């Protein structure tokens, strides 16, 4: 087989093809480093500019963040002031008349309490504005409900008739304070109603 001229020439052609393929593969690799080196050099030349732009952007964002924080704090302060002023405006009649009513009650012990109930109308209006609803009415008889009522004893059963001694309040679905309930009214006033 080694003496076969056709195989000899086939081997030579194969060797030339392999060498030319190797050169074609090596040649793009040789140009790639020079191109990538040029790209690296170009990106290195622009890097300080990008860093400066990035630092400027960060500084601008920090300033904007500080400005927004200051605005939020200012809005919070303004909302609180508005809330105080609005609440005071609604309670003003009560706040003005209450000290005089207390003095009158001290100096005139037989003054009927019905004369003082009109003082609390502004408070009722304020609760309506805030959408705070009462749980029951004072001295109303209702079935005991563990969700809405706070009993004065631990032995009350759900559904048992009780009297609301002090009303509670809700805001939407949230219970702000439960109504305080008892089996009897003060002085046994509710005992005859059972």
N, C-alpha and C. Protein backbone atom coordinates (compact mmCIF):
# COMPACT_ATOMS: atom_id res chain seq x y z
N UNK A 1 0.81 -1.18 0.00
CA UNK A 1 0.00 0.00 0.00
C UNK A 1 0.86 1.24 0.00
N UNK A 2 2.01 1.21 0.65
CA UNK A 2 2.88 2.37 0.68
C UNK A 2 3.44 2.69 -0.69
N UNK A 3 3.46 1.71 -1.58
CA UNK A 3 3.97 1.94 -2.92
C UNK A 3 2.90 2.47 -3.87
N UNK A 4 1.68 2.53 -3.46
CA UNK A 4 0.59 2.98 -4.33
C UNK A 4 0.68 4.48 -4.51
N UNK A 5 0.93 4.95 -5.77
CA UNK A 5 1.10 6.39 -6.01
C UNK A 5 -0.19 7.18 -5.76
N UNK A 6 -1.31 6.57 -5.96
CA UNK A 6 -2.57 7.30 -5.77
C UNK A 6 -2.75 7.66 -4.29
N UNK A 7 -2.38 6.72 -3.44
CA UNK A 7 -2.50 7.00 -2.00
C UNK A 7 -1.50 8.07 -1.58
N UNK A 8 -0.33 8.05 -2.21
CA UNK A 8 0.67 9.06 -1.87
C UNK A 8 0.13 10.45 -2.18
N UNK A 9 -0.42 10.63 -3.38
CA UNK A 9 -0.93 11.93 -3.77
C UNK A 9 -2.19 12.31 -2.97
N UNK A 10 -2.97 11.33 -2.64
CA UNK A 10 -4.15 11.60 -1.81
C UNK A 10 -3.70 12.12 -0.44
N UNK A 11 -2.68 11.53 0.15
CA UNK A 11 -2.13 11.97 1.43
C UNK A 11 -1.58 13.38 1.35
N UNK A 12 -0.92 13.69 0.21
CA UNK A 12 -0.36 15.04 0.04
C UNK A 12 -1.47 16.08 -0.05
N UNK A 13 -2.50 15.77 -0.83
CA UNK A 13 -3.64 16.70 -0.98
C UNK A 13 -4.33 16.89 0.36
N UNK A 14 -4.49 15.79 1.09
CA UNK A 14 -5.13 15.85 2.40
C UNK A 14 -4.30 16.71 3.36
N UNK A 15 -3.01 16.58 3.32
CA UNK A 15 -2.13 17.38 4.18
C UNK A 15 -2.24 18.86 3.83
N UNK A 16 -2.27 19.19 2.55
CA UNK A 16 -2.39 20.59 2.11
C UNK A 16 -3.74 21.17 2.55
N UNK A 17 -4.79 20.38 2.41
CA UNK A 17 -6.13 20.85 2.80
C UNK A 17 -6.15 21.10 4.31
N UNK A 18 -5.58 20.18 5.07
CA UNK A 18 -5.54 20.34 6.55
C UNK A 18 -4.75 21.58 6.94
N UNK A 19 -3.62 21.80 6.26
CA UNK A 19 -2.80 22.98 6.58
C UNK A 19 -3.55 24.25 6.22
N UNK A 20 -4.22 24.26 5.08
CA UNK A 20 -4.95 25.48 4.68
C UNK A 20 -6.14 25.73 5.63
N UNK A 21 -6.79 24.67 6.09
CA UNK A 21 -7.90 24.84 7.05
C UNK A 21 -7.35 25.40 8.36
N UNK A 22 -6.21 24.88 8.80
CA UNK A 22 -5.58 25.39 10.03
C UNK A 22 -5.22 26.86 9.89
N UNK A 23 -4.67 27.25 8.75
CA UNK A 23 -4.33 28.66 8.54
C UNK A 23 -5.58 29.54 8.52
N UNK A 24 -6.67 29.02 7.92
CA UNK A 24 -7.90 29.83 7.87
C UNK A 24 -8.49 29.98 9.28
N UNK A 25 -8.32 28.97 10.11
CA UNK A 25 -8.81 29.07 11.48
C UNK A 25 -7.93 29.98 12.33
N UNK A 26 -6.66 29.94 12.11
CA UNK A 26 -5.73 30.76 12.88
C UNK A 26 -5.81 32.21 12.47
N UNK A 27 -6.02 32.46 11.23
CA UNK A 27 -6.02 33.82 10.73
C UNK A 27 -7.11 34.69 11.38
N UNK A 28 -8.40 34.30 11.49
CA UNK A 28 -9.39 35.14 12.18
C UNK A 28 -9.07 35.31 13.65
N UNK A 29 -8.46 34.31 14.27
CA UNK A 29 -8.11 34.44 15.68
C UNK A 29 -7.03 35.50 15.87
N UNK A 30 -6.14 35.61 14.88
CA UNK A 30 -5.08 36.62 14.99
C UNK A 30 -5.65 38.02 14.87
N UNK A 31 -6.67 38.19 14.04
CA UNK A 31 -7.24 39.52 13.90
C UNK A 31 -8.17 39.84 15.06
N UNK A 32 -8.80 38.82 15.66
CA UNK A 32 -9.75 39.06 16.75
C UNK A 32 -9.08 39.73 17.94
N UNK A 33 -7.87 39.27 18.37
CA UNK A 33 -7.27 39.97 19.50
C UNK A 33 -6.97 41.42 19.20
N UNK A 34 -6.56 41.71 17.96
CA UNK A 34 -6.26 43.10 17.65
C UNK A 34 -7.54 43.93 17.67
N UNK A 35 -8.65 43.32 17.20
CA UNK A 35 -9.92 44.05 17.23
C UNK A 35 -10.38 44.22 18.67
N UNK A 36 -10.31 43.13 19.46
CA UNK A 36 -10.78 43.25 20.83
C UNK A 36 -9.88 44.18 21.63
N UNK A 37 -8.58 44.20 21.30
CA UNK A 37 -7.69 45.13 21.98
C UNK A 37 -8.08 46.56 21.64
N UNK A 38 -8.47 46.78 20.39
CA UNK A 38 -8.93 48.11 19.98
C UNK A 38 -10.22 48.48 20.71
N UNK A 39 -11.10 47.50 20.85
CA UNK A 39 -12.36 47.75 21.56
C UNK A 39 -12.08 48.05 23.02
N UNK A 40 -11.17 47.28 23.63
CA UNK A 40 -10.82 47.50 25.03
C UNK A 40 -10.19 48.89 25.20
N UNK A 41 -9.31 49.23 24.27
CA UNK A 41 -8.66 50.53 24.36
C UNK A 41 -9.70 51.64 24.23
N UNK A 42 -10.65 51.45 23.31
CA UNK A 42 -11.69 52.47 23.12
C UNK A 42 -12.57 52.57 24.36
N UNK A 43 -12.95 51.41 24.94
CA UNK A 43 -13.80 51.45 26.12
C UNK A 43 -13.05 52.01 27.31
N UNK A 44 -11.76 51.75 27.39
CA UNK A 44 -10.95 52.30 28.48
C UNK A 44 -10.87 53.81 28.33
N UNK A 45 -10.79 54.28 27.10
CA UNK A 45 -10.71 55.73 26.88
C UNK A 45 -12.02 56.40 27.29
N UNK A 46 -13.17 55.73 27.11
CA UNK A 46 -14.47 56.30 27.47
C UNK A 46 -14.83 56.03 28.93
N UNK A 47 -14.16 55.16 29.62
CA UNK A 47 -14.50 54.78 30.98
C UNK A 47 -14.53 55.96 31.94
N UNK A 48 -13.54 56.85 31.96
CA UNK A 48 -13.63 57.99 32.87
C UNK A 48 -14.85 58.86 32.62
N UNK A 49 -15.25 58.99 31.38
CA UNK A 49 -16.44 59.78 31.05
C UNK A 49 -17.67 59.08 31.61
N UNK A 50 -17.76 57.76 31.44
CA UNK A 50 -18.90 57.01 31.95
C UNK A 50 -18.95 57.08 33.48
N UNK A 51 -17.80 56.99 34.14
CA UNK A 51 -17.75 57.09 35.60
C UNK A 51 -18.21 58.47 36.05
N UNK A 52 -17.76 59.50 35.37
CA UNK A 52 -18.16 60.86 35.74
C UNK A 52 -19.67 61.04 35.55
N UNK A 53 -20.19 60.50 34.44
CA UNK A 53 -21.63 60.61 34.18
C UNK A 53 -22.42 59.82 35.23
N UNK A 54 -21.90 58.65 35.58
CA UNK A 54 -22.58 57.82 36.58
C UNK A 54 -22.59 58.53 37.94
N UNK A 55 -21.46 59.13 38.34
CA UNK A 55 -21.41 59.86 39.61
C UNK A 55 -22.35 61.06 39.60
N UNK A 56 -22.44 61.72 38.45
CA UNK A 56 -23.35 62.87 38.34
C UNK A 56 -24.80 62.40 38.45
N UNK A 57 -25.12 61.25 37.82
CA UNK A 57 -26.48 60.71 37.91
C UNK A 57 -26.82 60.31 39.34
N UNK A 58 -25.87 59.69 40.02
CA UNK A 58 -26.10 59.29 41.41
C UNK A 58 -26.32 60.51 42.29
N UNK A 59 -25.52 61.54 42.08
CA UNK A 59 -25.67 62.77 42.86
C UNK A 59 -27.03 63.41 42.60
N UNK A 60 -27.44 63.42 41.33
CA UNK A 60 -28.74 64.00 40.98
C UNK A 60 -29.87 63.20 41.63
N UNK A 61 -29.77 61.88 41.61
CA UNK A 61 -30.80 61.03 42.24
C UNK A 61 -30.83 61.24 43.75
N UNK A 62 -29.67 61.40 44.37
CA UNK A 62 -29.63 61.65 45.81
C UNK A 62 -30.27 62.99 46.15
N UNK A 63 -30.03 63.99 45.34
CA UNK A 63 -30.66 65.30 45.56
C UNK A 63 -32.17 65.21 45.40
N UNK A 64 -32.62 64.47 44.38
CA UNK A 64 -34.05 64.32 44.14
C UNK A 64 -34.69 63.56 45.30
N UNK A 65 -34.02 62.52 45.79
CA UNK A 65 -34.52 61.75 46.92
C UNK A 65 -34.63 62.64 48.16
N UNK A 66 -33.62 63.44 48.43
CA UNK A 66 -33.66 64.36 49.58
C UNK A 66 -34.78 65.38 49.44
N UNK A 67 -34.99 65.88 48.23
CA UNK A 67 -36.07 66.84 47.98
C UNK A 67 -37.43 66.20 48.21
N UNK A 68 -37.61 64.95 47.71
CA UNK A 68 -38.88 64.25 47.89
C UNK A 68 -39.14 63.94 49.36
N UNK A 69 -38.09 63.57 50.10
CA UNK A 69 -38.26 63.34 51.54
C UNK A 69 -38.70 64.61 52.25
N UNK A 70 -38.08 65.72 51.89
CA UNK A 70 -38.45 67.00 52.51
C UNK A 70 -39.90 67.36 52.18
N UNK A 71 -40.31 67.12 50.93
CA UNK A 71 -41.70 67.39 50.54
C UNK A 71 -42.67 66.50 51.30
N UNK A 72 -42.34 65.22 51.46
CA UNK A 72 -43.20 64.30 52.20
C UNK A 72 -43.32 64.74 53.66
N UNK A 73 -42.22 65.14 54.26
CA UNK A 73 -42.27 65.60 55.65
C UNK A 73 -43.13 66.85 55.77
N UNK A 74 -42.99 67.75 54.80
CA UNK A 74 -43.78 68.97 54.79
C UNK A 74 -45.27 68.65 54.63
N UNK A 75 -45.59 67.70 53.73
CA UNK A 75 -46.98 67.29 53.54
C UNK A 75 -47.54 66.64 54.80
N UNK A 76 -46.73 65.81 55.46
CA UNK A 76 -47.17 65.15 56.69
C UNK A 76 -47.48 66.20 57.76
N UNK A 77 -46.60 67.18 57.90
CA UNK A 77 -46.82 68.25 58.87
C UNK A 77 -48.08 69.03 58.53
N UNK A 78 -48.27 69.33 57.24
CA UNK A 78 -49.45 70.09 56.80
C UNK A 78 -50.73 69.29 57.04
N UNK A 79 -50.71 67.99 56.74
CA UNK A 79 -51.90 67.15 56.97
C UNK A 79 -52.25 67.10 58.45
N UNK A 80 -51.24 66.97 59.30
CA UNK A 80 -51.49 66.93 60.74
C UNK A 80 -52.08 68.26 61.22
N UNK A 81 -51.53 69.37 60.72
CA UNK A 81 -52.05 70.69 61.09
C UNK A 81 -53.49 70.85 60.62
N UNK A 82 -53.77 70.44 59.38
CA UNK A 82 -55.14 70.52 58.85
C UNK A 82 -56.09 69.67 59.68
N UNK A 83 -55.63 68.47 60.07
CA UNK A 83 -56.46 67.58 60.89
C UNK A 83 -56.78 68.24 62.24
N UNK A 84 -55.76 68.80 62.88
CA UNK A 84 -55.97 69.46 64.17
C UNK A 84 -56.93 70.64 64.04
N UNK A 85 -56.72 71.46 63.03
CA UNK A 85 -57.57 72.64 62.85
C UNK A 85 -59.01 72.25 62.53
N UNK A 86 -59.19 71.23 61.68
CA UNK A 86 -60.54 70.78 61.34
C UNK A 86 -61.25 70.19 62.54
N UNK A 87 -60.53 69.38 63.32
CA UNK A 87 -61.13 68.78 64.51
C UNK A 87 -61.47 69.86 65.54
N UNK A 88 -60.56 70.81 65.72
CA UNK A 88 -60.84 71.89 66.67
C UNK A 88 -62.05 72.71 66.24
N UNK A 89 -62.16 72.99 64.93
CA UNK A 89 -63.29 73.76 64.44
C UNK A 89 -64.61 73.05 64.75
N UNK A 90 -64.63 71.71 64.61
CA UNK A 90 -65.86 70.98 64.89
C UNK A 90 -66.14 70.88 66.39
N UNK A 91 -65.11 70.82 67.19
CA UNK A 91 -65.29 70.70 68.65
C UNK A 91 -65.33 72.05 69.36
N UNK A 92 -65.11 73.14 68.64
CA UNK A 92 -65.00 74.45 69.25
C UNK A 92 -66.20 74.81 70.13
N UNK A 93 -67.45 74.60 69.70
CA UNK A 93 -68.57 74.94 70.59
C UNK A 93 -68.52 74.18 71.92
N UNK A 94 -68.16 72.90 71.87
CA UNK A 94 -68.05 72.12 73.10
C UNK A 94 -66.91 72.64 73.97
N UNK A 95 -65.76 72.89 73.35
CA UNK A 95 -64.60 73.34 74.10
C UNK A 95 -64.80 74.71 74.74
N UNK A 96 -65.56 75.56 74.09
CA UNK A 96 -65.83 76.89 74.63
C UNK A 96 -66.83 76.81 75.79
N UNK A 97 -67.87 76.01 75.64
CA UNK A 97 -68.95 75.97 76.63
C UNK A 97 -68.68 75.00 77.78
N UNK A 98 -67.85 74.01 77.59
CA UNK A 98 -67.64 72.98 78.61
C UNK A 98 -67.11 73.53 79.94
N UNK A 99 -66.08 74.38 79.95
CA UNK A 99 -65.61 74.90 81.25
C UNK A 99 -66.70 75.67 82.01
N UNK A 100 -67.49 76.45 81.28
CA UNK A 100 -68.57 77.19 81.94
C UNK A 100 -69.65 76.24 82.46
N UNK A 101 -69.94 75.20 81.70
CA UNK A 101 -70.94 74.22 82.14
C UNK A 101 -70.46 73.49 83.39
N UNK A 102 -69.17 73.15 83.44
CA UNK A 102 -68.61 72.50 84.64
C UNK A 102 -68.73 73.41 85.85
N UNK A 103 -68.41 74.69 85.68
CA UNK A 103 -68.50 75.65 86.78
C UNK A 103 -69.95 75.79 87.23
N UNK A 104 -70.87 75.84 86.28
CA UNK A 104 -72.29 75.96 86.60
C UNK A 104 -72.76 74.72 87.37
N UNK A 105 -72.31 73.53 86.97
CA UNK A 105 -72.70 72.30 87.65
C UNK A 105 -72.16 72.26 89.07
N UNK A 106 -70.96 72.83 89.27
CA UNK A 106 -70.39 72.87 90.62
C UNK A 106 -71.13 73.85 91.53
N UNK A 107 -71.53 74.98 90.99
CA UNK A 107 -72.19 76.00 91.81
C UNK A 107 -73.69 75.76 91.95
N UNK A 108 -74.27 75.01 91.01
CA UNK A 108 -75.70 74.72 91.05
C UNK A 108 -75.88 73.21 91.01
N UNK A 109 -75.80 72.53 92.16
CA UNK A 109 -75.86 71.07 92.16
C UNK A 109 -77.19 70.50 91.67
N UNK A 110 -78.28 71.24 91.77
CA UNK A 110 -79.57 70.71 91.34
C UNK A 110 -79.89 71.05 89.88
N UNK A 111 -78.88 71.48 89.13
CA UNK A 111 -79.06 71.78 87.70
C UNK A 111 -79.38 70.49 86.95
N UNK A 112 -80.47 70.45 86.19
CA UNK A 112 -80.81 69.22 85.46
C UNK A 112 -79.74 68.90 84.39
N UNK A 113 -79.39 67.63 84.31
CA UNK A 113 -78.38 67.18 83.34
C UNK A 113 -78.86 67.38 81.91
N UNK A 114 -80.18 67.40 81.71
CA UNK A 114 -80.70 67.59 80.35
C UNK A 114 -80.27 68.94 79.78
N UNK A 115 -79.96 69.91 80.65
CA UNK A 115 -79.49 71.21 80.16
C UNK A 115 -78.10 71.12 79.55
N UNK A 116 -77.35 70.09 79.90
CA UNK A 116 -75.97 69.96 79.43
C UNK A 116 -75.82 69.07 78.20
N UNK A 117 -76.84 68.28 77.87
CA UNK A 117 -76.68 67.31 76.77
C UNK A 117 -76.45 67.99 75.41
N UNK A 118 -77.00 69.20 75.23
CA UNK A 118 -76.82 69.89 73.94
C UNK A 118 -75.35 70.24 73.69
N UNK A 119 -74.56 70.30 74.76
CA UNK A 119 -73.14 70.61 74.59
C UNK A 119 -72.41 69.57 73.75
N UNK A 120 -72.89 68.34 73.77
CA UNK A 120 -72.15 67.24 73.13
C UNK A 120 -72.54 67.02 71.67
N UNK A 121 -73.40 67.84 71.12
CA UNK A 121 -73.77 67.73 69.71
C UNK A 121 -72.56 67.85 68.79
N UNK A 122 -71.61 68.79 69.02
CA UNK A 122 -70.43 68.87 68.15
C UNK A 122 -69.61 67.58 68.15
N UNK A 123 -69.56 66.92 69.29
CA UNK A 123 -68.82 65.66 69.37
C UNK A 123 -69.48 64.59 68.50
N UNK A 124 -70.81 64.55 68.52
CA UNK A 124 -71.53 63.60 67.66
C UNK A 124 -71.27 63.88 66.19
N UNK A 125 -71.25 65.17 65.82
CA UNK A 125 -70.97 65.55 64.43
C UNK A 125 -69.55 65.14 64.02
N UNK A 126 -68.60 65.31 64.93
CA UNK A 126 -67.23 64.94 64.63
C UNK A 126 -67.12 63.43 64.38
N UNK A 127 -67.77 62.63 65.20
CA UNK A 127 -67.74 61.18 65.01
C UNK A 127 -68.38 60.79 63.68
N UNK A 128 -69.45 61.47 63.30
CA UNK A 128 -70.08 61.20 61.99
C UNK A 128 -69.13 61.56 60.86
N UNK A 129 -68.42 62.68 60.99
CA UNK A 129 -67.46 63.10 59.96
C UNK A 129 -66.36 62.06 59.80
N UNK A 130 -65.89 61.51 60.92
CA UNK A 130 -64.83 60.49 60.90
C UNK A 130 -65.37 59.11 60.56
N UNK A 131 -66.68 58.97 60.37
CA UNK A 131 -67.35 57.70 60.05
C UNK A 131 -67.12 56.67 61.16
N UNK A 132 -67.21 57.15 62.39
CA UNK A 132 -67.12 56.28 63.56
C UNK A 132 -68.54 56.06 64.07
N UNK A 133 -68.95 54.81 64.13
CA UNK A 133 -70.32 54.46 64.50
C UNK A 133 -70.37 53.87 65.89
N UNK A 134 -71.44 54.20 66.66
CA UNK A 134 -71.57 53.63 68.00
C UNK A 134 -72.02 52.17 67.94
N UNK A 135 -71.63 51.42 68.96
CA UNK A 135 -72.13 50.05 69.13
C UNK A 135 -73.25 50.15 70.15
N UNK A 136 -74.48 50.14 69.67
CA UNK A 136 -75.65 50.22 70.55
C UNK A 136 -75.86 51.61 71.11
N UNK A 137 -76.83 51.70 72.02
CA UNK A 137 -77.12 52.95 72.73
C UNK A 137 -77.06 52.67 74.22
N UNK A 138 -76.83 53.69 75.00
CA UNK A 138 -76.70 53.53 76.44
C UNK A 138 -77.97 52.93 77.03
N UNK A 139 -77.82 51.93 77.88
CA UNK A 139 -78.85 51.23 78.63
C UNK A 139 -79.80 50.39 77.74
N UNK A 140 -79.40 50.19 76.49
CA UNK A 140 -80.19 49.35 75.58
C UNK A 140 -79.97 47.88 75.95
N UNK A 141 -81.06 47.08 75.91
CA UNK A 141 -80.91 45.65 76.16
C UNK A 141 -80.70 44.94 74.83
N UNK A 142 -79.62 44.14 74.76
CA UNK A 142 -79.24 43.43 73.53
C UNK A 142 -78.77 42.03 73.87
N UNK A 143 -78.76 41.11 72.89
CA UNK A 143 -78.16 39.80 73.15
C UNK A 143 -76.63 39.92 73.20
N UNK A 144 -76.00 39.25 74.15
CA UNK A 144 -74.54 39.34 74.31
C UNK A 144 -73.82 38.78 73.10
N UNK A 145 -72.86 39.54 72.60
CA UNK A 145 -72.05 39.17 71.44
C UNK A 145 -70.58 39.38 71.82
N UNK A 146 -69.81 38.30 71.83
CA UNK A 146 -68.41 38.38 72.28
C UNK A 146 -67.57 39.30 71.39
N UNK A 147 -68.00 39.49 70.14
CA UNK A 147 -67.22 40.33 69.23
C UNK A 147 -67.39 41.82 69.54
N UNK A 148 -68.61 42.23 69.89
CA UNK A 148 -68.90 43.65 70.07
C UNK A 148 -69.02 44.09 71.52
N UNK A 149 -69.06 43.14 72.45
CA UNK A 149 -69.31 43.49 73.85
C UNK A 149 -68.19 43.05 74.77
N UNK A 150 -67.94 43.86 75.79
CA UNK A 150 -66.99 43.53 76.85
C UNK A 150 -67.81 43.35 78.13
N UNK A 151 -67.90 42.11 78.64
CA UNK A 151 -68.76 41.86 79.81
C UNK A 151 -68.08 42.30 81.11
N UNK A 152 -68.92 42.53 82.13
CA UNK A 152 -68.36 42.86 83.45
C UNK A 152 -68.09 41.61 84.28
N UNK A 153 -68.57 40.44 83.80
CA UNK A 153 -68.27 39.16 84.45
C UNK A 153 -67.89 38.15 83.36
N UNK A 154 -67.24 37.08 83.78
CA UNK A 154 -66.77 36.07 82.81
C UNK A 154 -67.81 35.00 82.51
N UNK A 155 -68.95 34.99 83.19
CA UNK A 155 -69.90 33.89 83.03
C UNK A 155 -71.06 34.22 82.08
N UNK A 156 -70.92 35.24 81.25
CA UNK A 156 -71.99 35.56 80.28
C UNK A 156 -71.89 34.62 79.08
N UNK A 157 -73.07 34.13 78.64
CA UNK A 157 -73.13 33.24 77.47
C UNK A 157 -73.56 34.03 76.25
N UNK A 158 -73.09 33.62 75.09
CA UNK A 158 -73.47 34.28 73.84
C UNK A 158 -74.98 34.23 73.68
N UNK A 159 -75.58 35.37 73.35
CA UNK A 159 -77.03 35.46 73.16
C UNK A 159 -77.79 35.83 74.42
N UNK A 160 -77.16 35.78 75.59
CA UNK A 160 -77.83 36.13 76.85
C UNK A 160 -78.17 37.61 76.84
N UNK A 161 -79.36 38.00 77.34
CA UNK A 161 -79.72 39.43 77.35
C UNK A 161 -78.82 40.21 78.30
N UNK A 162 -78.28 41.31 77.81
CA UNK A 162 -77.44 42.19 78.60
C UNK A 162 -77.83 43.64 78.31
N UNK A 163 -77.37 44.53 79.19
CA UNK A 163 -77.59 45.96 79.01
C UNK A 163 -76.26 46.63 78.65
N UNK A 164 -76.34 47.56 77.73
CA UNK A 164 -75.14 48.34 77.37
C UNK A 164 -75.00 49.45 78.39
N UNK A 165 -73.96 49.35 79.20
CA UNK A 165 -73.70 50.40 80.19
C UNK A 165 -72.95 51.56 79.54
N UNK A 166 -71.95 51.23 78.74
CA UNK A 166 -71.17 52.25 78.02
C UNK A 166 -71.03 51.78 76.58
N UNK A 167 -71.40 52.65 75.65
CA UNK A 167 -71.36 52.25 74.24
C UNK A 167 -69.92 52.07 73.77
N UNK A 168 -69.78 51.30 72.69
CA UNK A 168 -68.48 51.13 72.04
C UNK A 168 -68.52 51.82 70.68
N UNK A 169 -67.43 51.66 69.92
CA UNK A 169 -67.35 52.33 68.62
C UNK A 169 -66.68 51.44 67.59
N UNK A 170 -67.15 51.57 66.35
CA UNK A 170 -66.54 50.88 65.21
C UNK A 170 -66.18 51.90 64.15
N UNK A 171 -65.22 51.53 63.33
CA UNK A 171 -64.88 52.32 62.14
C UNK A 171 -64.83 51.33 60.99
N UNK A 172 -65.89 51.30 60.19
CA UNK A 172 -66.00 50.27 59.15
C UNK A 172 -66.13 48.90 59.80
N UNK A 173 -65.27 47.97 59.41
CA UNK A 173 -65.29 46.62 59.97
C UNK A 173 -64.44 46.51 61.24
N UNK A 174 -63.72 47.55 61.58
CA UNK A 174 -62.81 47.51 62.72
C UNK A 174 -63.50 47.97 63.99
N UNK A 175 -63.33 47.22 65.07
CA UNK A 175 -63.89 47.60 66.36
C UNK A 175 -62.84 48.44 67.08
N UNK A 176 -63.17 49.71 67.32
CA UNK A 176 -62.24 50.60 68.02
C UNK A 176 -62.26 50.31 69.52
N UNK A 177 -63.45 50.13 70.07
CA UNK A 177 -63.58 49.70 71.47
C UNK A 177 -64.95 49.03 71.61
N UNK A 178 -64.99 47.88 72.27
CA UNK A 178 -66.27 47.18 72.43
C UNK A 178 -67.18 47.91 73.43
N UNK A 179 -68.47 47.68 73.33
CA UNK A 179 -69.41 48.25 74.31
C UNK A 179 -69.28 47.45 75.60
N UNK A 180 -69.34 48.15 76.73
CA UNK A 180 -69.28 47.48 78.03
C UNK A 180 -70.70 47.11 78.45
N UNK A 181 -70.89 45.84 78.74
CA UNK A 181 -72.24 45.34 79.02
C UNK A 181 -72.29 44.66 80.38
N UNK A 182 -73.53 44.56 80.89
CA UNK A 182 -73.79 43.94 82.19
C UNK A 182 -75.17 43.31 82.16
N UNK A 183 -75.39 42.36 83.08
CA UNK A 183 -76.73 41.76 83.20
C UNK A 183 -77.75 42.76 83.73
N UNK A 184 -77.28 43.74 84.49
CA UNK A 184 -78.18 44.72 85.10
C UNK A 184 -77.69 46.12 84.81
N UNK A 185 -78.60 47.07 84.99
CA UNK A 185 -78.26 48.48 84.87
C UNK A 185 -77.83 49.01 86.23
N UNK A 186 -77.23 50.19 86.29
CA UNK A 186 -76.83 50.75 87.58
C UNK A 186 -78.02 50.87 88.53
N UNK A 187 -77.84 50.45 89.77
CA UNK A 187 -78.91 50.55 90.78
C UNK A 187 -80.02 49.54 90.54
N UNK A 188 -79.80 48.52 89.70
CA UNK A 188 -80.81 47.50 89.44
C UNK A 188 -81.97 48.00 88.61
N UNK A 189 -81.77 49.07 87.84
CA UNK A 189 -82.85 49.67 87.06
C UNK A 189 -83.37 48.73 85.99
N UNK A 190 -82.56 47.85 85.47
CA UNK A 190 -82.99 46.98 84.37
C UNK A 190 -83.59 45.67 84.83
N UNK A 191 -83.62 45.41 86.13
CA UNK A 191 -84.07 44.12 86.63
C UNK A 191 -85.55 43.88 86.35
N UNK A 192 -86.35 44.92 86.39
CA UNK A 192 -87.78 44.73 86.16
C UNK A 192 -88.12 44.48 84.69
N UNK A 193 -87.21 44.79 83.78
CA UNK A 193 -87.47 44.64 82.35
C UNK A 193 -87.24 43.23 81.87
N UNK A 194 -86.64 42.37 82.69
CA UNK A 194 -86.32 41.01 82.23
C UNK A 194 -87.53 40.26 82.00
